Amino acid sequence: MNNTTKWLAFSPLGLTLTGLGLSVIGEAGARKSSGRPWFWLGTLGLCLFNAGLSVFAEGVKAKILDERQR
């Protein structure tokens, strides 16, 4: 997989995972405020959010390497 392909795949995926993680964290907060179980949902949200940031950063790294090779 070359750097352009990595950038085109990882950047949107990372942004999607980040948004999904924030949505899940918001749902966990709503559950906490209503007294329902929330801990594992909040943990999943944080994992998705951090994974999204990592995948997005990998896409940015691939884009920078792609630009430097040109």
PDB file of N, CA and C in Angstrom:
ATOM      1  N   MET A   1       0.854  -1.174   0.000  1.00  0.00           N
ATOM      2  CA  MET A   1       0.000   0.000   0.000  1.00  0.00           C
ATOM      3  C   MET A   1       0.900   1.237   0.000  1.00  0.00           C
ATOM      4  N   ASN A   2       0.731   2.079  -1.012  1.00  0.00           N
ATOM      5  CA  ASN A   2       1.572   3.271  -1.067  1.00  0.00           C
ATOM      6  C   ASN A   2       1.002   4.375  -0.166  1.00  0.00           C
ATOM      7  N   ASN A   3       1.756   5.455  -0.034  1.00  0.00           N
ATOM      8  CA  ASN A   3       1.380   6.511   0.907  1.00  0.00           C
ATOM      9  C   ASN A   3       0.099   7.229   0.515  1.00  0.00           C
ATOM     10  N   THR A   4      -0.141   7.397  -0.779  1.00  0.00           N
ATOM     11  CA  THR A   4      -1.374   8.058  -1.208  1.00  0.00           C
ATOM     12  C   THR A   4      -2.591   7.216  -0.833  1.00  0.00           C
ATOM     13  N   THR A   5      -2.500   5.921  -1.048  1.00  0.00           N
ATOM     14  CA  THR A   5      -3.599   5.022  -0.700  1.00  0.00           C
ATOM     15  C   THR A   5      -3.821   5.000   0.804  1.00  0.00           C
ATOM     16  N   LYS A   6      -2.729   4.983   1.583  1.00  0.00           N
ATOM     17  CA  LYS A   6      -2.857   5.020   3.044  1.00  0.00           C
ATOM     18  C   LYS A   6      -3.557   6.291   3.485  1.00  0.00           C
ATOM     19  N   TRP A   7      -3.154   7.411   2.889  1.00  0.00           N
ATOM     20  CA  TRP A   7      -3.762   8.685   3.268  1.00  0.00           C
ATOM     21  C   TRP A   7      -5.256   8.692   2.946  1.00  0.00           C
ATOM     22  N   LEU A   8      -5.604   8.217   1.748  1.00  0.00           N
ATOM     23  CA  LEU A   8      -7.004   8.217   1.337  1.00  0.00           C
ATOM     24  C   LEU A   8      -7.858   7.240   2.145  1.00  0.00           C
ATOM     25  N   ALA A   9      -7.252   6.204   2.684  1.00  0.00           N
ATOM     26  CA  ALA A   9      -7.998   5.235   3.484  1.00  0.00           C
ATOM     27  C   ALA A   9      -8.039   5.618   4.961  1.00  0.00           C
ATOM     28  N   PHE A  10      -6.902   6.014   5.518  1.00  0.00           N
ATOM     29  CA  PHE A  10      -6.802   6.220   6.958  1.00  0.00           C
ATOM     30  C   PHE A  10      -7.417   7.528   7.436  1.00  0.00           C
ATOM     31  N   SER A  11      -7.299   8.583   6.660  1.00  0.00           N
ATOM     32  CA  SER A  11      -7.820   9.874   7.131  1.00  0.00           C
ATOM     33  C   SER A  11      -9.338   9.862   7.316  1.00  0.00           C
ATOM     34  N   PRO A  12     -10.119   9.455   6.313  1.00  0.00           N
ATOM     35  CA  PRO A  12     -11.569   9.409   6.547  1.00  0.00           C
ATOM     36  C   PRO A  12     -11.980   8.387   7.612  1.00  0.00           C
ATOM     37  N   LEU A  13     -11.289   7.258   7.641  1.00  0.00           N
ATOM     38  CA  LEU A  13     -11.596   6.253   8.664  1.00  0.00           C
ATOM     39  C   LEU A  13     -11.324   6.805  10.060  1.00  0.00           C
ATOM     40  N   GLY A  14     -10.202   7.502  10.213  1.00  0.00           N
ATOM     41  CA  GLY A  14      -9.878   8.085  11.511  1.00  0.00           C
ATOM     42  C   GLY A  14     -10.893   9.125  11.946  1.00  0.00           C
ATOM     43  N   LEU A  15     -11.330   9.969  11.014  1.00  0.00           N
ATOM     44  CA  LEU A  15     -12.340  10.975  11.353  1.00  0.00           C
ATOM     45  C   LEU A  15     -13.673  10.315  11.708  1.00  0.00           C
ATOM     46  N   THR A  16     -14.010   9.248  11.003  1.00  0.00           N
ATOM     47  CA  THR A  16     -15.255   8.532  11.299  1.00  0.00           C
ATOM     48  C   THR A  16     -15.205   7.898  12.682  1.00  0.00           C
ATOM     49  N   LEU A  17     -14.088   7.255  13.007  1.00  0.00           N
ATOM     50  CA  LEU A  17     -13.952   6.640  14.335  1.00  0.00           C
ATOM     51  C   LEU A  17     -13.963   7.683  15.442  1.00  0.00           C
ATOM     52  N   THR A  18     -13.342   8.825  15.201  1.00  0.00           N
ATOM     53  CA  THR A  18     -13.334   9.892  16.197  1.00  0.00           C
ATOM     54  C   THR A  18     -14.755  10.390  16.456  1.00  0.00           C
ATOM     55  N   GLY A  19     -15.499  10.633  15.390  1.00  0.00           N
ATOM     56  CA  GLY A  19     -16.886  11.072  15.553  1.00  0.00           C
ATOM     57  C   GLY A  19     -17.754  10.036  16.227  1.00  0.00           C
ATOM     58  N   LEU A  20     -17.566   8.783  15.860  1.00  0.00           N
ATOM     59  CA  LEU A  20     -18.324   7.705  16.488  1.00  0.00           C
ATOM     60  C   LEU A  20     -18.007   7.624  17.977  1.00  0.00           C
ATOM     61  N   GLY A  21     -16.730   7.745  18.308  1.00  0.00           N
ATOM     62  CA  GLY A  21     -16.334   7.707  19.715  1.00  0.00           C
ATOM     63  C   GLY A  21     -16.965   8.834  20.509  1.00  0.00           C
ATOM     64  N   LEU A  22     -16.996  10.030  19.945  1.00  0.00           N
ATOM     65  CA  LEU A  22     -17.626  11.158  20.641  1.00  0.00           C
ATOM     66  C   LEU A  22     -19.122  10.934  20.817  1.00  0.00           C
ATOM     67  N   SER A  23     -19.760  10.344  19.828  1.00  0.00           N
ATOM     68  CA  SER A  23     -21.189  10.049  19.939  1.00  0.00           C
ATOM     69  C   SER A  23     -21.458   9.026  21.038  1.00  0.00           C
ATOM     70  N   VAL A  24     -20.622   8.008  21.099  1.00  0.00           N
ATOM     71  CA  VAL A  24     -20.797   6.977  22.126  1.00  0.00           C
ATOM     72  C   VAL A  24     -20.525   7.566  23.510  1.00  0.00           C
ATOM     73  N   ILE A  25     -19.540   8.450  23.625  1.00  0.00           N
ATOM     74  CA  ILE A  25     -19.274   9.114  24.905  1.00  0.00           C
ATOM     75  C   ILE A  25     -20.479   9.959  25.316  1.00  0.00           C
ATOM     76  N   GLY A  26     -21.085  10.659  24.361  1.00  0.00           N
ATOM     77  CA  GLY A  26     -22.276  11.438  24.665  1.00  0.00           C
ATOM     78  C   GLY A  26     -23.426  10.572  25.147  1.00  0.00           C
ATOM     79  N   GLU A  27     -23.592   9.418  24.527  1.00  0.00           N
ATOM     80  CA  GLU A  27     -24.637   8.489  24.965  1.00  0.00           C
ATOM     81  C   GLU A  27     -24.351   7.982  26.374  1.00  0.00           C
ATOM     82  N   ALA A  28     -23.091   7.701  26.666  1.00  0.00           N
ATOM     83  CA  ALA A  28     -22.731   7.250  28.013  1.00  0.00           C
ATOM     84  C   ALA A  28     -23.028   8.342  29.043  1.00  0.00           C
ATOM     85  N   GLY A  29     -22.765   9.599  28.672  1.00  0.00           N
ATOM     86  CA  GLY A  29     -23.077  10.699  29.584  1.00  0.00           C
ATOM     87  C   GLY A  29     -24.571  10.830  29.830  1.00  0.00           C
ATOM     88  N   ALA A  30     -25.357  10.625  28.781  1.00  0.00           N
ATOM     89  CA  ALA A  30     -26.813  10.670  28.940  1.00  0.00           C
ATOM     90  C   ALA A  30     -27.292   9.537  29.835  1.00  0.00           C
ATOM     91  N   ARG A  31     -26.709   8.363  29.657  1.00  0.00           N
ATOM     92  CA  ARG A  31     -27.087   7.230  30.513  1.00  0.00           C
ATOM     93  C   ARG A  31     -26.702   7.500  31.972  1.00  0.00           C
ATOM     94  N   LYS A  32     -25.529   8.088  32.177  1.00  0.00           N
ATOM     95  CA  LYS A  32     -25.091   8.366  33.551  1.00  0.00           C
ATOM     96  C   LYS A  32     -26.040   9.346  34.230  1.00  0.00           C
ATOM     97  N   SER A  33     -26.471  10.367  33.494  1.00  0.00           N
ATOM     98  CA  SER A  33     -27.339  11.369  34.099  1.00  0.00           C
ATOM     99  C   SER A  33     -28.728  10.811  34.410  1.00  0.00           C
ATOM    100  N   SER A  34     -29.128   9.760  33.702  1.00  0.00           N
ATOM    101  CA  SER A  34     -30.438   9.167  33.979  1.00  0.00           C
ATOM    102  C   SER A  34     -30.344   7.972  34.930  1.00  0.00           C
ATOM    103  N   GLY A  35     -29.148   7.694  35.427  1.00  0.00           N
ATOM    104  CA  GLY A  35     -28.995   6.624  36.417  1.00  0.00           C
ATOM    105  C   GLY A  35     -28.877   5.227  35.852  1.00  0.00           C
ATOM    106  N   ARG A  36     -28.718   5.116  34.547  1.00  0.00           N
ATOM    107  CA  ARG A  36     -28.564   3.789  33.929  1.00  0.00           C
ATOM    108  C   ARG A  36     -27.087   3.415  33.866  1.00  0.00           C
ATOM    109  N   PRO A  37     -26.758   2.134  33.626  1.00  0.00           N
ATOM    110  CA  PRO A  37     -25.358   1.717  33.506  1.00  0.00           C
ATOM    111  C   PRO A  37     -24.670   2.441  32.342  1.00  0.00           C
ATOM    112  N   TRP A  38     -23.467   2.942  32.584  1.00  0.00           N
ATOM    113  CA  TRP A  38     -22.801   3.754  31.574  1.00  0.00           C
ATOM    114  C   TRP A  38     -21.317   3.453  31.434  1.00  0.00           C
ATOM    115  N   PHE A  39     -20.699   2.802  32.402  1.00  0.00           N
ATOM    116  CA  PHE A  39     -19.239   2.703  32.450  1.00  0.00           C
ATOM    117  C   PHE A  39     -18.656   2.033  31.206  1.00  0.00           C
ATOM    118  N   TRP A  40     -19.171   0.866  30.833  1.00  0.00           N
ATOM    119  CA  TRP A  40     -18.581   0.137  29.702  1.00  0.00           C
ATOM    120  C   TRP A  40     -18.835   0.850  28.378  1.00  0.00           C
ATOM    121  N   LEU A  41     -19.961   1.513  28.260  1.00  0.00           N
ATOM    122  CA  LEU A  41     -20.236   2.290  27.058  1.00  0.00           C
ATOM    123  C   LEU A  41     -19.293   3.486  26.961  1.00  0.00           C
ATOM    124  N   GLY A  42     -19.040   4.138  28.093  1.00  0.00           N
ATOM    125  CA  GLY A  42     -18.085   5.248  28.109  1.00  0.00           C
ATOM    126  C   GLY A  42     -16.680   4.791  27.792  1.00  0.00           C
ATOM    127  N   THR A  43     -16.304   3.632  28.298  1.00  0.00           N
ATOM    128  CA  THR A  43     -14.979   3.082  28.007  1.00  0.00           C
ATOM    129  C   THR A  43     -14.841   2.762  26.523  1.00  0.00           C
ATOM    130  N   LEU A  44     -15.874   2.177  25.944  1.00  0.00           N
ATOM    131  CA  LEU A  44     -15.867   1.893  24.508  1.00  0.00           C
ATOM    132  C   LEU A  44     -15.748   3.192  23.711  1.00  0.00           C
ATOM    133  N   GLY A  45     -16.470   4.223  24.121  1.00  0.00           N
ATOM    134  CA  GLY A  45     -16.391   5.511  23.441  1.00  0.00           C
ATOM    135  C   GLY A  45     -15.002   6.097  23.478  1.00  0.00           C
ATOM    136  N   LEU A  46     -14.352   6.022  24.622  1.00  0.00           N
ATOM    137  CA  LEU A  46     -12.980   6.530  24.728  1.00  0.00           C
ATOM    138  C   LEU A  46     -12.019   5.731  23.859  1.00  0.00           C
ATOM    139  N   CYS A  47     -12.200   4.424  23.815  1.00  0.00           N
ATOM    140  CA  CYS A  47     -11.353   3.578  22.955  1.00  0.00           C
ATOM    141  C   CYS A  47     -11.543   3.934  21.485  1.00  0.00           C
ATOM    142  N   LEU A  48     -12.788   4.125  21.061  1.00  0.00           N
ATOM    143  CA  LEU A  48     -13.054   4.495  19.668  1.00  0.00           C
ATOM    144  C   LEU A  48     -12.482   5.865  19.340  1.00  0.00           C
ATOM    145  N   PHE A  49     -12.627   6.805  20.258  1.00  0.00           N
ATOM    146  CA  PHE A  49     -12.112   8.153  20.047  1.00  0.00           C
ATOM    147  C   PHE A  49     -10.589   8.135  19.896  1.00  0.00           C
ATOM    148  N   ASN A  50      -9.909   7.451  20.802  1.00  0.00           N
ATOM    149  CA  ASN A  50      -8.448   7.391  20.738  1.00  0.00           C
ATOM    150  C   ASN A  50      -7.965   6.612  19.517  1.00  0.00           C
ATOM    151  N   ALA A  51      -8.666   5.553  19.155  1.00  0.00           N
ATOM    152  CA  ALA A  51      -8.305   4.809  17.945  1.00  0.00           C
ATOM    153  C   ALA A  51      -8.465   5.700  16.719  1.00  0.00           C
ATOM    154  N   GLY A  52      -9.531   6.487  16.688  1.00  0.00           N
ATOM    155  CA  GLY A  52      -9.746   7.397  15.575  1.00  0.00           C
ATOM    156  C   GLY A  52      -8.632   8.423  15.445  1.00  0.00           C
ATOM    157  N   LEU A  53      -8.200   8.967  16.564  1.00  0.00           N
ATOM    158  CA  LEU A  53      -7.091   9.922  16.522  1.00  0.00           C
ATOM    159  C   LEU A  53      -5.816   9.264  16.012  1.00  0.00           C
ATOM    160  N   SER A  54      -5.571   8.053  16.449  1.00  0.00           N
ATOM    161  CA  SER A  54      -4.373   7.339  16.010  1.00  0.00           C
ATOM    162  C   SER A  54      -4.411   7.021  14.521  1.00  0.00           C
ATOM    163  N   VAL A  55      -5.548   6.556  14.036  1.00  0.00           N
ATOM    164  CA  VAL A  55      -5.678   6.229  12.611  1.00  0.00           C
ATOM    165  C   VAL A  55      -5.568   7.500  11.770  1.00  0.00           C
ATOM    166  N   PHE A  56      -6.188   8.585  12.220  1.00  0.00           N
ATOM    167  CA  PHE A  56      -6.096   9.846  11.493  1.00  0.00           C
ATOM    168  C   PHE A  56      -4.651  10.344  11.453  1.00  0.00           C
ATOM    169  N   ALA A  57      -3.945  10.237  12.572  1.00  0.00           N
ATOM    170  CA  ALA A  57      -2.544  10.658  12.605  1.00  0.00           C
ATOM    171  C   ALA A  57      -1.694   9.825  11.651  1.00  0.00           C
ATOM    172  N   GLU A  58      -2.011   8.557  11.522  1.00  0.00           N
ATOM    173  CA  GLU A  58      -1.305   7.701  10.571  1.00  0.00           C
ATOM    174  C   GLU A  58      -1.559   8.169   9.141  1.00  0.00           C
ATOM    175  N   GLY A  59      -2.779   8.595   8.856  1.00  0.00           N
ATOM    176  CA  GLY A  59      -3.095   9.139   7.541  1.00  0.00           C
ATOM    177  C   GLY A  59      -2.357  10.434   7.263  1.00  0.00           C
ATOM    178  N   VAL A  60      -2.258  11.299   8.265  1.00  0.00           N
ATOM    179  CA  VAL A  60      -1.513  12.553   8.108  1.00  0.00           C
ATOM    180  C   VAL A  60      -0.040  12.254   7.873  1.00  0.00           C
ATOM    181  N   LYS A  61       0.492  11.286   8.592  1.00  0.00           N
ATOM    182  CA  LYS A  61       1.898  10.905   8.400  1.00  0.00           C
ATOM    183  C   LYS A  61       2.133  10.407   6.981  1.00  0.00           C
ATOM    184  N   ALA A  62       1.214   9.603   6.470  1.00  0.00           N
ATOM    185  CA  ALA A  62       1.340   9.100   5.101  1.00  0.00           C
ATOM    186  C   ALA A  62       1.274  10.244   4.092  1.00  0.00           C
ATOM    187  N   LYS A  63       0.410  11.231   4.339  1.00  0.00           N
ATOM    188  CA  LYS A  63       0.300  12.379   3.433  1.00  0.00           C
ATOM    189  C   LYS A  63       1.594  13.188   3.430  1.00  0.00           C
ATOM    190  N   ILE A  64       2.184  13.387   4.588  1.00  0.00           N
ATOM    191  CA  ILE A  64       3.445  14.133   4.673  1.00  0.00           C
ATOM    192  C   ILE A  64       4.557  13.388   3.943  1.00  0.00           C
ATOM    193  N   LEU A  65       4.626  12.072   4.138  1.00  0.00           N
ATOM    194  CA  LEU A  65       5.640  11.286   3.431  1.00  0.00           C
ATOM    195  C   LEU A  65       5.410  11.317   1.927  1.00  0.00           C
ATOM    196  N   ASP A  66       4.144  11.306   1.502  1.00  0.00           N
ATOM    197  CA  ASP A  66       3.807  11.381   0.098  1.00  0.00           C
ATOM    198  C   ASP A  66       4.262  12.727  -0.493  1.00  0.00           C
ATOM    199  N   GLU A  67       4.030  13.788   0.223  1.00  0.00           N
ATOM    200  CA  GLU A  67       4.427  15.127  -0.248  1.00  0.00           C
ATOM    201  C   GLU A  67       5.951  15.254  -0.320  1.00  0.00           C
ATOM    202  N   ARG A  68       6.641  14.652   0.619  1.00  0.00           N
ATOM    203  CA  ARG A  68       8.112  14.755   0.631  1.00  0.00           C
ATOM    204  C   ARG A  68       8.751  13.956  -0.501  1.00  0.00           C
ATOM    205  N   GLN A  69       8.064  12.913  -0.962  1.00  0.00           N
ATOM    206  CA  GLN A  69       8.609  12.096  -2.042  1.00  0.00           C
ATOM    207  C   GLN A  69       8.454  12.744  -3.400  1.00  0.00           C
ATOM    208  N   ARG A  70       7.573  13.700  -3.523  1.00  0.00           N
ATOM    209  CA  ARG A  70       7.336  14.363  -4.814  1.00  0.00           C
ATOM    210  C   ARG A  70       8.337  15.433  -5.095  1.00  0.00           C
TER     211      ARG A  70
END
